[in-house]
Amino acid sequence: MKNSFLNSFKLVVVFFCLGVLALILGVNGEAVAIFISRPSGAGSWTTSESMMNGFIYIPTAIGVFFFALATIVFTISYKKVQEK
């Protein structure tokens, strides 16, 4: 029983961890955009605001999606465990 209980919640942990990683990337999105847009050997450069917004909002949206997915999968798994 204990083994099946733990197996049913592995996917929840994976989705939760992916959500955390995506949110960390989203919080640091401006720094990541600046790092990626830097040409090699350049002393100064500019990074567009839209690129910074893309590196902030897209990972944040993906992180929220994974949190919602983890919540849904947890609810379904918990209900199945309670029915047994």
PDB file of N, CA and C in Angstrom:
ATOM      1  N   MET A   1       0.820  -1.199   0.000  1.00  0.00           N
ATOM      2  CA  MET A   1       0.000   0.000   0.000  1.00  0.00           C
ATOM      3  C   MET A   1       0.858   1.254   0.000  1.00  0.00           C
ATOM      4  N   LYS A   2       1.893   1.248   0.840  1.00  0.00           N
ATOM      5  CA  LYS A   2       2.744   2.429   0.936  1.00  0.00           C
ATOM      6  C   LYS A   2       3.485   2.676  -0.371  1.00  0.00           C
ATOM      7  N   ASN A   3       3.940   1.605  -1.030  1.00  0.00           N
ATOM      8  CA  ASN A   3       4.663   1.738  -2.285  1.00  0.00           C
ATOM      9  C   ASN A   3       3.763   2.297  -3.385  1.00  0.00           C
ATOM     10  N   SER A   4       2.546   1.834  -3.468  1.00  0.00           N
ATOM     11  CA  SER A   4       1.631   2.352  -4.485  1.00  0.00           C
ATOM     12  C   SER A   4       1.233   3.795  -4.185  1.00  0.00           C
ATOM     13  N   PHE A   5       1.176   4.134  -2.911  1.00  0.00           N
ATOM     14  CA  PHE A   5       0.877   5.513  -2.524  1.00  0.00           C
ATOM     15  C   PHE A   5       1.971   6.459  -3.003  1.00  0.00           C
ATOM     16  N   LEU A   6       3.233   6.061  -2.822  1.00  0.00           N
ATOM     17  CA  LEU A   6       4.350   6.901  -3.261  1.00  0.00           C
ATOM     18  C   LEU A   6       4.447   6.960  -4.778  1.00  0.00           C
ATOM     19  N   ASN A   7       4.170   5.849  -5.452  1.00  0.00           N
ATOM     20  CA  ASN A   7       4.227   5.834  -6.909  1.00  0.00           C
ATOM     21  C   ASN A   7       3.185   6.748  -7.535  1.00  0.00           C
ATOM     22  N   SER A   8       2.051   6.888  -6.907  1.00  0.00           N
ATOM     23  CA  SER A   8       0.991   7.704  -7.481  1.00  0.00           C
ATOM     24  C   SER A   8       1.295   9.197  -7.399  1.00  0.00           C
ATOM     25  N   PHE A   9       2.232   9.593  -6.568  1.00  0.00           N
ATOM     26  CA  PHE A   9       2.529  11.018  -6.406  1.00  0.00           C
ATOM     27  C   PHE A   9       3.861  11.447  -7.010  1.00  0.00           C
ATOM     28  N   LYS A  10       4.538  10.564  -7.733  1.00  0.00           N
ATOM     29  CA  LYS A  10       5.804  10.932  -8.366  1.00  0.00           C
ATOM     30  C   LYS A  10       5.609  12.000  -9.434  1.00  0.00           C
ATOM     31  N   LEU A  11       4.565  11.866 -10.217  1.00  0.00           N
ATOM     32  CA  LEU A  11       4.293  12.828 -11.277  1.00  0.00           C
ATOM     33  C   LEU A  11       3.987  14.210 -10.705  1.00  0.00           C
ATOM     34  N   VAL A  12       3.347  14.260  -9.565  1.00  0.00           N
ATOM     35  CA  VAL A  12       3.050  15.537  -8.901  1.00  0.00           C
ATOM     36  C   VAL A  12       4.348  16.242  -8.535  1.00  0.00           C
ATOM     37  N   VAL A  13       5.292  15.498  -7.995  1.00  0.00           N
ATOM     38  CA  VAL A  13       6.580  16.079  -7.603  1.00  0.00           C
ATOM     39  C   VAL A  13       7.335  16.580  -8.828  1.00  0.00           C
ATOM     40  N   VAL A  14       7.288  15.827  -9.925  1.00  0.00           N
ATOM     41  CA  VAL A  14       7.971  16.242 -11.154  1.00  0.00           C
ATOM     42  C   VAL A  14       7.361  17.538 -11.688  1.00  0.00           C
ATOM     43  N   PHE A  15       6.052  17.618 -11.769  1.00  0.00           N
ATOM     44  CA  PHE A  15       5.399  18.833 -12.263  1.00  0.00           C
ATOM     45  C   PHE A  15       5.669  20.019 -11.338  1.00  0.00           C
ATOM     46  N   PHE A  16       5.667  19.776 -10.037  1.00  0.00           N
ATOM     47  CA  PHE A  16       5.938  20.853  -9.091  1.00  0.00           C
ATOM     48  C   PHE A  16       7.370  21.382  -9.266  1.00  0.00           C
ATOM     49  N   CYS A  17       8.328  20.474  -9.400  1.00  0.00           N
ATOM     50  CA  CYS A  17       9.730  20.895  -9.583  1.00  0.00           C
ATOM     51  C   CYS A  17       9.924  21.643 -10.897  1.00  0.00           C
ATOM     52  N   LEU A  18       9.264  21.185 -11.956  1.00  0.00           N
ATOM     53  CA  LEU A  18       9.340  21.911 -13.226  1.00  0.00           C
ATOM     54  C   LEU A  18       8.736  23.306 -13.103  1.00  0.00           C
ATOM     55  N   GLY A  19       7.665  23.428 -12.348  1.00  0.00           N
ATOM     56  CA  GLY A  19       7.067  24.739 -12.115  1.00  0.00           C
ATOM     57  C   GLY A  19       7.994  25.665 -11.358  1.00  0.00           C
ATOM     58  N   VAL A  20       8.667  25.131 -10.352  1.00  0.00           N
ATOM     59  CA  VAL A  20       9.616  25.946  -9.577  1.00  0.00           C
ATOM     60  C   VAL A  20      10.773  26.405 -10.464  1.00  0.00           C
ATOM     61  N   LEU A  21      11.311  25.479 -11.267  1.00  0.00           N
ATOM     62  CA  LEU A  21      12.419  25.843 -12.148  1.00  0.00           C
ATOM     63  C   LEU A  21      12.007  26.895 -13.176  1.00  0.00           C
ATOM     64  N   ALA A  22      10.820  26.760 -13.738  1.00  0.00           N
ATOM     65  CA  ALA A  22      10.345  27.743 -14.710  1.00  0.00           C
ATOM     66  C   ALA A  22      10.128  29.103 -14.051  1.00  0.00           C
ATOM     67  N   LEU A  23       9.625  29.117 -12.827  1.00  0.00           N
ATOM     68  CA  LEU A  23       9.434  30.398 -12.144  1.00  0.00           C
ATOM     69  C   LEU A  23      10.762  31.050 -11.772  1.00  0.00           C
ATOM     70  N   ILE A  24      11.744  30.253 -11.410  1.00  0.00           N
ATOM     71  CA  ILE A  24      13.074  30.814 -11.132  1.00  0.00           C
ATOM     72  C   ILE A  24      13.646  31.434 -12.394  1.00  0.00           C
ATOM     73  N   LEU A  25      13.493  30.745 -13.528  1.00  0.00           N
ATOM     74  CA  LEU A  25      13.955  31.290 -14.799  1.00  0.00           C
ATOM     75  C   LEU A  25      13.193  32.563 -15.146  1.00  0.00           C
ATOM     76  N   GLY A  26      11.904  32.604 -14.869  1.00  0.00           N
ATOM     77  CA  GLY A  26      11.109  33.794 -15.145  1.00  0.00           C
ATOM     78  C   GLY A  26      11.491  34.976 -14.278  1.00  0.00           C
ATOM     79  N   VAL A  27      11.822  34.716 -13.028  1.00  0.00           N
ATOM     80  CA  VAL A  27      12.240  35.800 -12.127  1.00  0.00           C
ATOM     81  C   VAL A  27      13.564  36.390 -12.591  1.00  0.00           C
ATOM     82  N   ASN A  28      14.446  35.536 -13.094  1.00  0.00           N
ATOM     83  CA  ASN A  28      15.743  35.996 -13.588  1.00  0.00           C
ATOM     84  C   ASN A  28      15.728  36.224 -15.096  1.00  0.00           C
ATOM     85  N   GLY A  29      14.569  36.434 -15.680  1.00  0.00           N
ATOM     86  CA  GLY A  29      14.427  36.553 -17.123  1.00  0.00           C
ATOM     87  C   GLY A  29      15.190  37.693 -17.741  1.00  0.00           C
ATOM     88  N   GLU A  30      15.248  38.824 -17.060  1.00  0.00           N
ATOM     89  CA  GLU A  30      15.965  39.972 -17.607  1.00  0.00           C
ATOM     90  C   GLU A  30      17.457  39.678 -17.722  1.00  0.00           C
ATOM     91  N   ALA A  31      18.031  39.074 -16.698  1.00  0.00           N
ATOM     92  CA  ALA A  31      19.456  38.741 -16.727  1.00  0.00           C
ATOM     93  C   ALA A  31      19.750  37.686 -17.791  1.00  0.00           C
ATOM     94  N   VAL A  32      18.856  36.718 -17.943  1.00  0.00           N
ATOM     95  CA  VAL A  32      19.041  35.676 -18.957  1.00  0.00           C
ATOM     96  C   VAL A  32      18.960  36.281 -20.352  1.00  0.00           C
ATOM     97  N   ALA A  33      18.009  37.188 -20.584  1.00  0.00           N
ATOM     98  CA  ALA A  33      17.871  37.835 -21.891  1.00  0.00           C
ATOM     99  C   ALA A  33      19.109  38.659 -22.222  1.00  0.00           C
ATOM    100  N   ILE A  34      19.622  39.361 -21.243  1.00  0.00           N
ATOM    101  CA  ILE A  34      20.830  40.162 -21.473  1.00  0.00           C
ATOM    102  C   ILE A  34      22.011  39.252 -21.784  1.00  0.00           C
ATOM    103  N   PHE A  35      22.130  38.150 -21.067  1.00  0.00           N
ATOM    104  CA  PHE A  35      23.234  37.218 -21.291  1.00  0.00           C
ATOM    105  C   PHE A  35      23.161  36.583 -22.676  1.00  0.00           C
ATOM    106  N   ILE A  36      21.961  36.191 -23.089  1.00  0.00           N
ATOM    107  CA  ILE A  36      21.802  35.526 -24.385  1.00  0.00           C
ATOM    108  C   ILE A  36      21.982  36.497 -25.547  1.00  0.00           C
ATOM    109  N   SER A  37      21.574  37.742 -25.380  1.00  0.00           N
ATOM    110  CA  SER A  37      21.647  38.694 -26.491  1.00  0.00           C
ATOM    111  C   SER A  37      23.030  39.313 -26.661  1.00  0.00           C
ATOM    112  N   ARG A  38      23.958  39.031 -25.766  1.00  0.00           N
ATOM    113  CA  ARG A  38      25.285  39.638 -25.849  1.00  0.00           C
ATOM    114  C   ARG A  38      26.088  39.007 -26.981  1.00  0.00           C
ATOM    115  N   PRO A  39      26.521  39.820 -27.949  1.00  0.00           N
ATOM    116  CA  PRO A  39      27.380  39.278 -29.002  1.00  0.00           C
ATOM    117  C   PRO A  39      28.770  38.964 -28.442  1.00  0.00           C
ATOM    118  N   SER A  40      29.425  37.975 -29.034  1.00  0.00           N
ATOM    119  CA  SER A  40      30.750  37.613 -28.522  1.00  0.00           C
ATOM    120  C   SER A  40      31.733  38.739 -28.772  1.00  0.00           C
ATOM    121  N   GLY A  41      32.490  39.076 -27.758  1.00  0.00           N
ATOM    122  CA  GLY A  41      33.514  40.114 -27.842  1.00  0.00           C
ATOM    123  C   GLY A  41      32.989  41.531 -27.775  1.00  0.00           C
ATOM    124  N   ALA A  42      31.729  41.728 -27.495  1.00  0.00           N
ATOM    125  CA  ALA A  42      31.157  43.075 -27.456  1.00  0.00           C
ATOM    126  C   ALA A  42      31.385  43.705 -26.092  1.00  0.00           C
ATOM    127  N   GLY A  43      31.715  44.983 -26.106  1.00  0.00           N
ATOM    128  CA  GLY A  43      31.881  45.720 -24.863  1.00  0.00           C
ATOM    129  C   GLY A  43      30.577  46.313 -24.386  1.00  0.00           C
ATOM    130  N   SER A  44      29.726  46.694 -25.321  1.00  0.00           N
ATOM    131  CA  SER A  44      28.414  47.225 -24.955  1.00  0.00           C
ATOM    132  C   SER A  44      27.402  46.787 -26.016  1.00  0.00           C
ATOM    133  N   TRP A  45      26.169  46.629 -25.604  1.00  0.00           N
ATOM    134  CA  TRP A  45      25.095  46.190 -26.486  1.00  0.00           C
ATOM    135  C   TRP A  45      23.784  46.564 -25.845  1.00  0.00           C
ATOM    136  N   THR A  46      22.729  46.495 -26.609  1.00  0.00           N
ATOM    137  CA  THR A  46      21.396  46.759 -26.076  1.00  0.00           C
ATOM    138  C   THR A  46      20.529  45.519 -26.258  1.00  0.00           C
ATOM    139  N   THR A  47      19.650  45.324 -25.329  1.00  0.00           N
ATOM    140  CA  THR A  47      18.697  44.226 -25.384  1.00  0.00           C
ATOM    141  C   THR A  47      17.303  44.830 -25.448  1.00  0.00           C
ATOM    142  N   SER A  48      16.522  44.388 -26.402  1.00  0.00           N
ATOM    143  CA  SER A  48      15.194  44.976 -26.581  1.00  0.00           C
ATOM    144  C   SER A  48      14.289  44.630 -25.400  1.00  0.00           C
ATOM    145  N   GLU A  49      13.366  45.522 -25.160  1.00  0.00           N
ATOM    146  CA  GLU A  49      12.407  45.330 -24.072  1.00  0.00           C
ATOM    147  C   GLU A  49      11.514  44.122 -24.332  1.00  0.00           C
ATOM    148  N   SER A  50      11.181  43.890 -25.606  1.00  0.00           N
ATOM    149  CA  SER A  50      10.328  42.747 -25.918  1.00  0.00           C
ATOM    150  C   SER A  50      11.037  41.424 -25.658  1.00  0.00           C
ATOM    151  N   MET A  51      12.344  41.371 -25.868  1.00  0.00           N
ATOM    152  CA  MET A  51      13.080  40.147 -25.565  1.00  0.00           C
ATOM    153  C   MET A  51      13.108  39.907 -24.058  1.00  0.00           C
ATOM    154  N   MET A  52      13.319  40.976 -23.296  1.00  0.00           N
ATOM    155  CA  MET A  52      13.303  40.832 -21.839  1.00  0.00           C
ATOM    156  C   MET A  52      11.930  40.398 -21.348  1.00  0.00           C
ATOM    157  N   ASN A  53      10.874  40.980 -21.916  1.00  0.00           N
ATOM    158  CA  ASN A  53       9.517  40.577 -21.528  1.00  0.00           C
ATOM    159  C   ASN A  53       9.249  39.119 -21.878  1.00  0.00           C
ATOM    160  N   GLY A  54       9.745  38.687 -23.027  1.00  0.00           N
ATOM    161  CA  GLY A  54       9.573  37.295 -23.420  1.00  0.00           C
ATOM    162  C   GLY A  54      10.257  36.335 -22.469  1.00  0.00           C
ATOM    163  N   PHE A  55      11.445  36.702 -22.003  1.00  0.00           N
ATOM    164  CA  PHE A  55      12.171  35.839 -21.077  1.00  0.00           C
ATOM    165  C   PHE A  55      11.619  35.918 -19.656  1.00  0.00           C
ATOM    166  N   ILE A  56      10.774  36.901 -19.391  1.00  0.00           N
ATOM    167  CA  ILE A  56      10.139  36.996 -18.072  1.00  0.00           C
ATOM    168  C   ILE A  56       8.777  36.305 -18.088  1.00  0.00           C
ATOM    169  N   TYR A  57       7.922  36.673 -19.053  1.00  0.00           N
ATOM    170  CA  TYR A  57       6.532  36.236 -19.008  1.00  0.00           C
ATOM    171  C   TYR A  57       6.312  34.807 -19.495  1.00  0.00           C
ATOM    172  N   ILE A  58       7.056  34.363 -20.499  1.00  0.00           N
ATOM    173  CA  ILE A  58       6.843  33.001 -21.011  1.00  0.00           C
ATOM    174  C   ILE A  58       7.227  31.948 -19.973  1.00  0.00           C
ATOM    175  N   PRO A  59       8.423  32.011 -19.353  1.00  0.00           N
ATOM    176  CA  PRO A  59       8.712  31.014 -18.308  1.00  0.00           C
ATOM    177  C   PRO A  59       7.774  31.114 -17.103  1.00  0.00           C
ATOM    178  N   THR A  60       7.337  32.321 -16.779  1.00  0.00           N
ATOM    179  CA  THR A  60       6.400  32.483 -15.670  1.00  0.00           C
ATOM    180  C   THR A  60       5.070  31.814 -15.991  1.00  0.00           C
ATOM    181  N   ALA A  61       4.581  31.986 -17.215  1.00  0.00           N
ATOM    182  CA  ALA A  61       3.334  31.339 -17.617  1.00  0.00           C
ATOM    183  C   ALA A  61       3.485  29.819 -17.621  1.00  0.00           C
ATOM    184  N   ILE A  62       4.624  29.331 -18.082  1.00  0.00           N
ATOM    185  CA  ILE A  62       4.871  27.888 -18.080  1.00  0.00           C
ATOM    186  C   ILE A  62       4.926  27.366 -16.644  1.00  0.00           C
ATOM    187  N   GLY A  63       5.563  28.119 -15.742  1.00  0.00           N
ATOM    188  CA  GLY A  63       5.626  27.720 -14.337  1.00  0.00           C
ATOM    189  C   GLY A  63       4.262  27.652 -13.690  1.00  0.00           C
ATOM    190  N   VAL A  64       3.419  28.630 -13.961  1.00  0.00           N
ATOM    191  CA  VAL A  64       2.056  28.623 -13.417  1.00  0.00           C
ATOM    192  C   VAL A  64       1.275  27.447 -13.986  1.00  0.00           C
ATOM    193  N   PHE A  65       1.479  27.153 -15.276  1.00  0.00           N
ATOM    194  CA  PHE A  65       0.824  26.000 -15.896  1.00  0.00           C
ATOM    195  C   PHE A  65       1.237  24.707 -15.204  1.00  0.00           C
ATOM    196  N   PHE A  66       2.542  24.538 -14.924  1.00  0.00           N
ATOM    197  CA  PHE A  66       2.997  23.317 -14.261  1.00  0.00           C
ATOM    198  C   PHE A  66       2.469  23.231 -12.829  1.00  0.00           C
ATOM    199  N   PHE A  67       2.353  24.357 -12.134  1.00  0.00           N
ATOM    200  CA  PHE A  67       1.761  24.330 -10.795  1.00  0.00           C
ATOM    201  C   PHE A  67       0.294  23.900 -10.855  1.00  0.00           C
ATOM    202  N   ALA A  68      -0.438  24.434 -11.839  1.00  0.00           N
ATOM    203  CA  ALA A  68      -1.838  24.035 -11.994  1.00  0.00           C
ATOM    204  C   ALA A  68      -1.940  22.557 -12.347  1.00  0.00           C
ATOM    205  N   LEU A  69      -1.053  22.088 -13.220  1.00  0.00           N
ATOM    206  CA  LEU A  69      -1.036  20.680 -13.590  1.00  0.00           C
ATOM    207  C   LEU A  69      -0.714  19.802 -12.392  1.00  0.00           C
ATOM    208  N   ALA A  70       0.232  20.232 -11.561  1.00  0.00           N
ATOM    209  CA  ALA A  70       0.571  19.470 -10.357  1.00  0.00           C
ATOM    210  C   ALA A  70      -0.633  19.410  -9.412  1.00  0.00           C
ATOM    211  N   THR A  71      -1.351  20.500  -9.295  1.00  0.00           N
ATOM    212  CA  THR A  71      -2.531  20.526  -8.433  1.00  0.00           C
ATOM    213  C   THR A  71      -3.611  19.579  -8.947  1.00  0.00           C
ATOM    214  N   ILE A  72      -3.836  19.578 -10.248  1.00  0.00           N
ATOM    215  CA  ILE A  72      -4.857  18.707 -10.829  1.00  0.00           C
ATOM    216  C   ILE A  72      -4.469  17.243 -10.673  1.00  0.00           C
ATOM    217  N   VAL A  73      -3.209  16.914 -10.982  1.00  0.00           N
ATOM    218  CA  VAL A  73      -2.757  15.530 -10.871  1.00  0.00           C
ATOM    219  C   VAL A  73      -2.781  15.080  -9.412  1.00  0.00           C
ATOM    220  N   PHE A  74      -2.418  15.970  -8.485  1.00  0.00           N
ATOM    221  CA  PHE A  74      -2.478  15.633  -7.062  1.00  0.00           C
ATOM    222  C   PHE A  74      -3.908  15.335  -6.640  1.00  0.00           C
ATOM    223  N   THR A  75      -4.831  16.160  -7.089  1.00  0.00           N
ATOM    224  CA  THR A  75      -6.229  15.960  -6.717  1.00  0.00           C
ATOM    225  C   THR A  75      -6.750  14.618  -7.220  1.00  0.00           C
ATOM    226  N   ILE A  76      -6.432  14.289  -8.468  1.00  0.00           N
ATOM    227  CA  ILE A  76      -6.885  13.014  -9.029  1.00  0.00           C
ATOM    228  C   ILE A  76      -6.217  11.844  -8.302  1.00  0.00           C
ATOM    229  N   SER A  77      -4.918  11.938  -8.056  1.00  0.00           N
ATOM    230  CA  SER A  77      -4.204  10.852  -7.361  1.00  0.00           C
ATOM    231  C   SER A  77      -4.720  10.690  -5.937  1.00  0.00           C
ATOM    232  N   TYR A  78      -4.946  11.786  -5.253  1.00  0.00           N
ATOM    233  CA  TYR A  78      -5.428  11.731  -3.881  1.00  0.00           C
ATOM    234  C   TYR A  78      -6.818  11.096  -3.816  1.00  0.00           C
ATOM    235  N   LYS A  79      -7.661  11.457  -4.785  1.00  0.00           N
ATOM    236  CA  LYS A  79      -9.000  10.876  -4.812  1.00  0.00           C
ATOM    237  C   LYS A  79      -8.940   9.381  -5.053  1.00  0.00           C
ATOM    238  N   LYS A  80      -8.063   8.942  -5.961  1.00  0.00           N
ATOM    239  CA  LYS A  80      -7.929   7.504  -6.231  1.00  0.00           C
ATOM    240  C   LYS A  80      -7.397   6.748  -5.017  1.00  0.00           C
ATOM    241  N   VAL A  81      -6.451   7.353  -4.288  1.00  0.00           N
ATOM    242  CA  VAL A  81      -5.913   6.708  -3.082  1.00  0.00           C
ATOM    243  C   VAL A  81      -6.987   6.626  -2.008  1.00  0.00           C
ATOM    244  N   GLN A  82      -7.804   7.655  -1.874  1.00  0.00           N
ATOM    245  CA  GLN A  82      -8.851   7.646  -0.854  1.00  0.00           C
ATOM    246  C   GLN A  82      -9.945   6.639  -1.180  1.00  0.00           C
ATOM    247  N   GLU A  83     -10.170   6.368  -2.445  1.00  0.00           N
ATOM    248  CA  GLU A  83     -11.193   5.409  -2.823  1.00  0.00           C
ATOM    249  C   GLU A  83     -10.767   3.968  -2.525  1.00  0.00           C
ATOM    250  N   LYS A  84      -9.474   3.712  -2.459  1.00  0.00           N
ATOM    251  CA  LYS A  84      -8.983   2.334  -2.222  1.00  0.00           C
ATOM    252  C   LYS A  84      -9.168   1.905  -0.796  1.00  0.00           C
TER     253      LYS A  84
END
